[in-house]
């Protein structure tokens, strides 16, 4: 077995990348829903965009 002098998993970076992808998906899905949706769907889209803003 090969022993590495360093740990190949940096958990801080891993968690930050997952959170950044979640925030980006909230922004994209919120913008698409707010633009293409109608009625209550637009409110959900705005809520997703607000979720994006709060996640940063």
PDB file of N, CA and C in Angstrom:
ATOM      1  N   UNK A   1       0.828  -1.172   0.000  1.00  0.00           N
ATOM      2  CA  UNK A   1       0.000   0.000   0.000  1.00  0.00           C
ATOM      3  C   UNK A   1       0.883   1.248   0.000  1.00  0.00           C
ATOM      4  N   UNK A   2       0.472   2.213  -0.803  1.00  0.00           N
ATOM      5  CA  UNK A   2       1.241   3.453  -0.900  1.00  0.00           C
ATOM      6  C   UNK A   2       0.814   4.383   0.226  1.00  0.00           C
ATOM      7  N   UNK A   3       1.796   4.888   0.946  1.00  0.00           N
ATOM      8  CA  UNK A   3       1.448   5.832   1.996  1.00  0.00           C
ATOM      9  C   UNK A   3       1.783   7.241   1.502  1.00  0.00           C
ATOM     10  N   UNK A   4       0.785   8.107   1.595  1.00  0.00           N
ATOM     11  CA  UNK A   4       0.976   9.479   1.154  1.00  0.00           C
ATOM     12  C   UNK A   4       1.514  10.322   2.300  1.00  0.00           C
ATOM     13  N   UNK A   5       2.406  11.243   1.994  1.00  0.00           N
ATOM     14  CA  UNK A   5       2.887  12.132   3.060  1.00  0.00           C
ATOM     15  C   UNK A   5       1.853  13.198   3.423  1.00  0.00           C
ATOM     16  N   UNK A   6       0.805  13.325   2.653  1.00  0.00           N
ATOM     17  CA  UNK A   6      -0.249  14.310   2.908  1.00  0.00           C
ATOM     18  C   UNK A   6      -1.605  13.649   2.714  1.00  0.00           C
ATOM     19  N   UNK A   7      -2.601  14.235   3.285  1.00  0.00           N
ATOM     20  CA  UNK A   7      -3.952  13.709   3.194  1.00  0.00           C
ATOM     21  C   UNK A   7      -4.595  14.234   1.903  1.00  0.00           C
ATOM     22  N   UNK A   8      -4.994  13.359   0.979  1.00  0.00           N
ATOM     23  CA  UNK A   8      -5.542  13.834  -0.293  1.00  0.00           C
ATOM     24  C   UNK A   8      -6.934  14.449  -0.155  1.00  0.00           C
ATOM     25  N   UNK A   9      -7.628  14.241   0.961  1.00  0.00           N
ATOM     26  CA  UNK A   9      -8.961  14.803   1.164  1.00  0.00           C
ATOM     27  C   UNK A   9      -8.870  16.034   2.043  1.00  0.00           C
ATOM     28  N   UNK A  10      -9.225  17.168   1.477  1.00  0.00           N
ATOM     29  CA  UNK A  10      -9.325  18.385   2.260  1.00  0.00           C
ATOM     30  C   UNK A  10     -10.814  18.634   2.473  1.00  0.00           C
ATOM     31  N   UNK A  11     -11.312  18.311   3.652  1.00  0.00           N
ATOM     32  CA  UNK A  11     -12.743  18.340   3.916  1.00  0.00           C
ATOM     33  C   UNK A  11     -13.312  19.751   3.894  1.00  0.00           C
ATOM     34  N   UNK A  12     -12.513  20.747   4.250  1.00  0.00           N
ATOM     35  CA  UNK A  12     -12.990  22.127   4.203  1.00  0.00           C
ATOM     36  C   UNK A  12     -13.316  22.542   2.771  1.00  0.00           C
ATOM     37  N   UNK A  13     -12.433  22.224   1.859  1.00  0.00           N
ATOM     38  CA  UNK A  13     -12.662  22.561   0.455  1.00  0.00           C
ATOM     39  C   UNK A  13     -13.838  21.768  -0.095  1.00  0.00           C
ATOM     40  N   UNK A  14     -13.951  20.524   0.279  1.00  0.00           N
ATOM     41  CA  UNK A  14     -15.042  19.680  -0.182  1.00  0.00           C
ATOM     42  C   UNK A  14     -16.398  20.261   0.225  1.00  0.00           C
ATOM     43  N   UNK A  15     -16.522  20.636   1.490  1.00  0.00           N
ATOM     44  CA  UNK A  15     -17.789  21.192   1.984  1.00  0.00           C
ATOM     45  C   UNK A  15     -18.077  22.532   1.319  1.00  0.00           C
ATOM     46  N   UNK A  16     -17.068  23.362   1.147  1.00  0.00           N
ATOM     47  CA  UNK A  16     -17.277  24.656   0.502  1.00  0.00           C
ATOM     48  C   UNK A  16     -17.706  24.503  -0.950  1.00  0.00           C
ATOM     49  N   UNK A  17     -17.163  23.543  -1.659  1.00  0.00           N
ATOM     50  CA  UNK A  17     -17.556  23.311  -3.045  1.00  0.00           C
ATOM     51  C   UNK A  17     -19.006  22.820  -3.115  1.00  0.00           C
ATOM     52  N   UNK A  18     -19.386  21.928  -2.217  1.00  0.00           N
ATOM     53  CA  UNK A  18     -20.776  21.448  -2.187  1.00  0.00           C
ATOM     54  C   UNK A  18     -21.730  22.603  -1.907  1.00  0.00           C
ATOM     55  N   UNK A  19     -21.399  23.468  -0.947  1.00  0.00           N
ATOM     56  CA  UNK A  19     -22.249  24.612  -0.629  1.00  0.00           C
ATOM     57  C   UNK A  19     -22.300  25.610  -1.790  1.00  0.00           C
ATOM     58  N   UNK A  20     -21.185  25.808  -2.474  1.00  0.00           N
ATOM     59  CA  UNK A  20     -21.169  26.719  -3.619  1.00  0.00           C
ATOM     60  C   UNK A  20     -22.027  26.168  -4.759  1.00  0.00           C
ATOM     61  N   UNK A  21     -21.984  24.866  -4.989  1.00  0.00           N
ATOM     62  CA  UNK A  21     -22.825  24.272  -6.030  1.00  0.00           C
ATOM     63  C   UNK A  21     -24.302  24.361  -5.669  1.00  0.00           C
ATOM     64  N   UNK A  22     -24.624  24.180  -4.403  1.00  0.00           N
ATOM     65  CA  UNK A  22     -25.998  24.331  -3.948  1.00  0.00           C
ATOM     66  C   UNK A  22     -26.480  25.765  -4.154  1.00  0.00           C
ATOM     67  N   UNK A  23     -25.654  26.738  -3.791  1.00  0.00           N
ATOM     68  CA  UNK A  23     -26.026  28.140  -3.957  1.00  0.00           C
ATOM     69  C   UNK A  23     -26.196  28.490  -5.432  1.00  0.00           C
ATOM     70  N   UNK A  24     -25.310  28.003  -6.271  1.00  0.00           N
ATOM     71  CA  UNK A  24     -25.415  28.283  -7.701  1.00  0.00           C
ATOM     72  C   UNK A  24     -26.669  27.660  -8.295  1.00  0.00           C
ATOM     73  N   UNK A  25     -27.006  26.465  -7.870  1.00  0.00           N
ATOM     74  CA  UNK A  25     -28.225  25.829  -8.376  1.00  0.00           C
ATOM     75  C   UNK A  25     -29.462  26.572  -7.892  1.00  0.00           C
ATOM     76  N   UNK A  26     -29.445  27.105  -6.657  1.00  0.00           N
ATOM     77  CA  UNK A  26     -30.560  27.922  -6.183  1.00  0.00           C
ATOM     78  C   UNK A  26     -30.732  29.164  -7.037  1.00  0.00           C
ATOM     79  N   UNK A  27     -29.626  29.793  -7.405  1.00  0.00           N
ATOM     80  CA  UNK A  27     -29.693  30.993  -8.236  1.00  0.00           C
ATOM     81  C   UNK A  27     -30.258  30.685  -9.611  1.00  0.00           C
ATOM     82  N   UNK A  28     -29.734  29.657 -10.260  1.00  0.00           N
ATOM     83  CA  UNK A  28     -30.165  29.323 -11.621  1.00  0.00           C
ATOM     84  C   UNK A  28     -31.623  28.863 -11.629  1.00  0.00           C
ATOM     85  N   UNK A  29     -31.971  27.958 -10.739  1.00  0.00           N
ATOM     86  CA  UNK A  29     -33.354  27.468 -10.704  1.00  0.00           C
ATOM     87  C   UNK A  29     -34.327  28.575 -10.303  1.00  0.00           C
ATOM     88  N   UNK A  30     -33.913  29.443  -9.386  1.00  0.00           N
ATOM     89  CA  UNK A  30     -34.769  30.554  -8.985  1.00  0.00           C
ATOM     90  C   UNK A  30     -34.995  31.532 -10.116  1.00  0.00           C
ATOM     91  N   UNK A  31     -33.943  31.846 -10.856  1.00  0.00           N
ATOM     92  CA  UNK A  31     -34.081  32.780 -11.975  1.00  0.00           C
ATOM     93  C   UNK A  31     -34.971  32.188 -13.063  1.00  0.00           C
ATOM     94  N   UNK A  32     -34.794  30.917 -13.373  1.00  0.00           N
ATOM     95  CA  UNK A  32     -35.622  30.289 -14.416  1.00  0.00           C
ATOM     96  C   UNK A  32     -37.078  30.216 -13.968  1.00  0.00           C
ATOM     97  N   UNK A  33     -37.319  29.879 -12.699  1.00  0.00           N
ATOM     98  CA  UNK A  33     -38.686  29.772 -12.204  1.00  0.00           C
ATOM     99  C   UNK A  33     -39.343  31.144 -12.129  1.00  0.00           C
ATOM    100  N   UNK A  34     -38.605  32.155 -11.689  1.00  0.00           N
ATOM    101  CA  UNK A  34     -39.173  33.501 -11.588  1.00  0.00           C
ATOM    102  C   UNK A  34     -39.470  34.070 -12.973  1.00  0.00           C
ATOM    103  N   UNK A  35     -38.653  33.729 -13.958  1.00  0.00           N
ATOM    104  CA  UNK A  35     -38.857  34.289 -15.291  1.00  0.00           C
ATOM    105  C   UNK A  35     -39.940  33.540 -16.068  1.00  0.00           C
ATOM    106  N   UNK A  36     -39.890  32.225 -16.055  1.00  0.00           N
ATOM    107  CA  UNK A  36     -40.808  31.423 -16.865  1.00  0.00           C
ATOM    108  C   UNK A  36     -42.076  31.011 -16.126  1.00  0.00           C
ATOM    109  N   UNK A  37     -42.080  31.129 -14.805  1.00  0.00           N
ATOM    110  CA  UNK A  37     -43.227  30.675 -14.029  1.00  0.00           C
ATOM    111  C   UNK A  37     -44.375  31.673 -14.071  1.00  0.00           C
ATOM    112  N   UNK A  38     -45.485  31.258 -13.512  1.00  0.00           N
ATOM    113  CA  UNK A  38     -46.628  32.163 -13.423  1.00  0.00           C
ATOM    114  C   UNK A  38     -47.290  31.980 -12.060  1.00  0.00           C
ATOM    115  N   UNK A  39     -47.783  33.074 -11.512  1.00  0.00           N
ATOM    116  CA  UNK A  39     -48.497  33.008 -10.243  1.00  0.00           C
ATOM    117  C   UNK A  39     -47.602  32.607  -9.091  1.00  0.00           C
ATOM    118  N   UNK A  40     -47.973  31.520  -8.418  1.00  0.00           N
ATOM    119  CA  UNK A  40     -47.229  31.064  -7.235  1.00  0.00           C
ATOM    120  C   UNK A  40     -45.839  30.573  -7.601  1.00  0.00           C
ATOM    121  N   UNK A  41     -45.660  30.121  -8.828  1.00  0.00           N
ATOM    122  CA  UNK A  41     -44.339  29.646  -9.251  1.00  0.00           C
ATOM    123  C   UNK A  41     -43.319  30.774  -9.218  1.00  0.00           C
ATOM    124  N   UNK A  42     -43.742  31.968  -9.578  1.00  0.00           N
ATOM    125  CA  UNK A  42     -42.808  33.099  -9.534  1.00  0.00           C
ATOM    126  C   UNK A  42     -42.397  33.405  -8.106  1.00  0.00           C
ATOM    127  N   UNK A  43     -43.326  33.245  -7.175  1.00  0.00           N
ATOM    128  CA  UNK A  43     -42.990  33.478  -5.773  1.00  0.00           C
ATOM    129  C   UNK A  43     -41.955  32.450  -5.295  1.00  0.00           C
ATOM    130  N   UNK A  44     -42.094  31.217  -5.745  1.00  0.00           N
ATOM    131  CA  UNK A  44     -41.118  30.180  -5.395  1.00  0.00           C
ATOM    132  C   UNK A  44     -39.756  30.534  -5.990  1.00  0.00           C
ATOM    133  N   UNK A  45     -39.744  31.023  -7.224  1.00  0.00           N
ATOM    134  CA  UNK A  45     -38.491  31.433  -7.851  1.00  0.00           C
ATOM    135  C   UNK A  45     -37.814  32.550  -7.090  1.00  0.00           C
ATOM    136  N   UNK A  46     -38.593  33.520  -6.643  1.00  0.00           N
ATOM    137  CA  UNK A  46     -38.031  34.611  -5.845  1.00  0.00           C
ATOM    138  C   UNK A  46     -37.511  34.063  -4.518  1.00  0.00           C
ATOM    139  N   UNK A  47     -38.219  33.110  -3.946  1.00  0.00           N
ATOM    140  CA  UNK A  47     -37.757  32.487  -2.706  1.00  0.00           C
ATOM    141  C   UNK A  47     -36.433  31.756  -2.897  1.00  0.00           C
ATOM    142  N   UNK A  48     -36.264  31.107  -4.028  1.00  0.00           N
ATOM    143  CA  UNK A  48     -34.995  30.427  -4.314  1.00  0.00           C
ATOM    144  C   UNK A  48     -33.855  31.428  -4.463  1.00  0.00           C
ATOM    145  N   UNK A  49     -34.138  32.555  -5.105  1.00  0.00           N
ATOM    146  CA  UNK A  49     -33.104  33.577  -5.256  1.00  0.00           C
ATOM    147  C   UNK A  49     -32.743  34.161  -3.891  1.00  0.00           C
ATOM    148  N   UNK A  50     -33.742  34.369  -3.035  1.00  0.00           N
ATOM    149  CA  UNK A  50     -33.468  34.848  -1.680  1.00  0.00           C
ATOM    150  C   UNK A  50     -32.649  33.806  -0.921  1.00  0.00           C
ATOM    151  N   UNK A  51     -32.940  32.531  -1.118  1.00  0.00           N
ATOM    152  CA  UNK A  51     -32.137  31.469  -0.507  1.00  0.00           C
ATOM    153  C   UNK A  51     -30.693  31.510  -0.966  1.00  0.00           C
ATOM    154  N   UNK A  52     -30.499  31.846  -2.230  1.00  0.00           N
ATOM    155  CA  UNK A  52     -29.133  31.997  -2.759  1.00  0.00           C
ATOM    156  C   UNK A  52     -28.420  33.136  -2.062  1.00  0.00           C
ATOM    157  N   UNK A  53     -29.120  34.264  -1.936  1.00  0.00           N
ATOM    158  CA  UNK A  53     -28.493  35.442  -1.313  1.00  0.00           C
ATOM    159  C   UNK A  53     -28.154  35.151   0.140  1.00  0.00           C
ATOM    160  N   UNK A  54     -29.050  34.468   0.852  1.00  0.00           N
ATOM    161  CA  UNK A  54     -28.796  34.163   2.261  1.00  0.00           C
ATOM    162  C   UNK A  54     -27.696  33.121   2.441  1.00  0.00           C
ATOM    163  N   UNK A  55     -27.482  32.271   1.444  1.00  0.00           N
ATOM    164  CA  UNK A  55     -26.451  31.239   1.575  1.00  0.00           C
ATOM    165  C   UNK A  55     -25.050  31.820   1.475  1.00  0.00           C
ATOM    166  N   UNK A  56     -24.889  32.985   0.885  1.00  0.00           N
ATOM    167  CA  UNK A  56     -23.575  33.620   0.808  1.00  0.00           C
ATOM    168  C   UNK A  56     -23.406  34.489   1.999  1.00  0.00           C
TER     169      UNK A  56
END
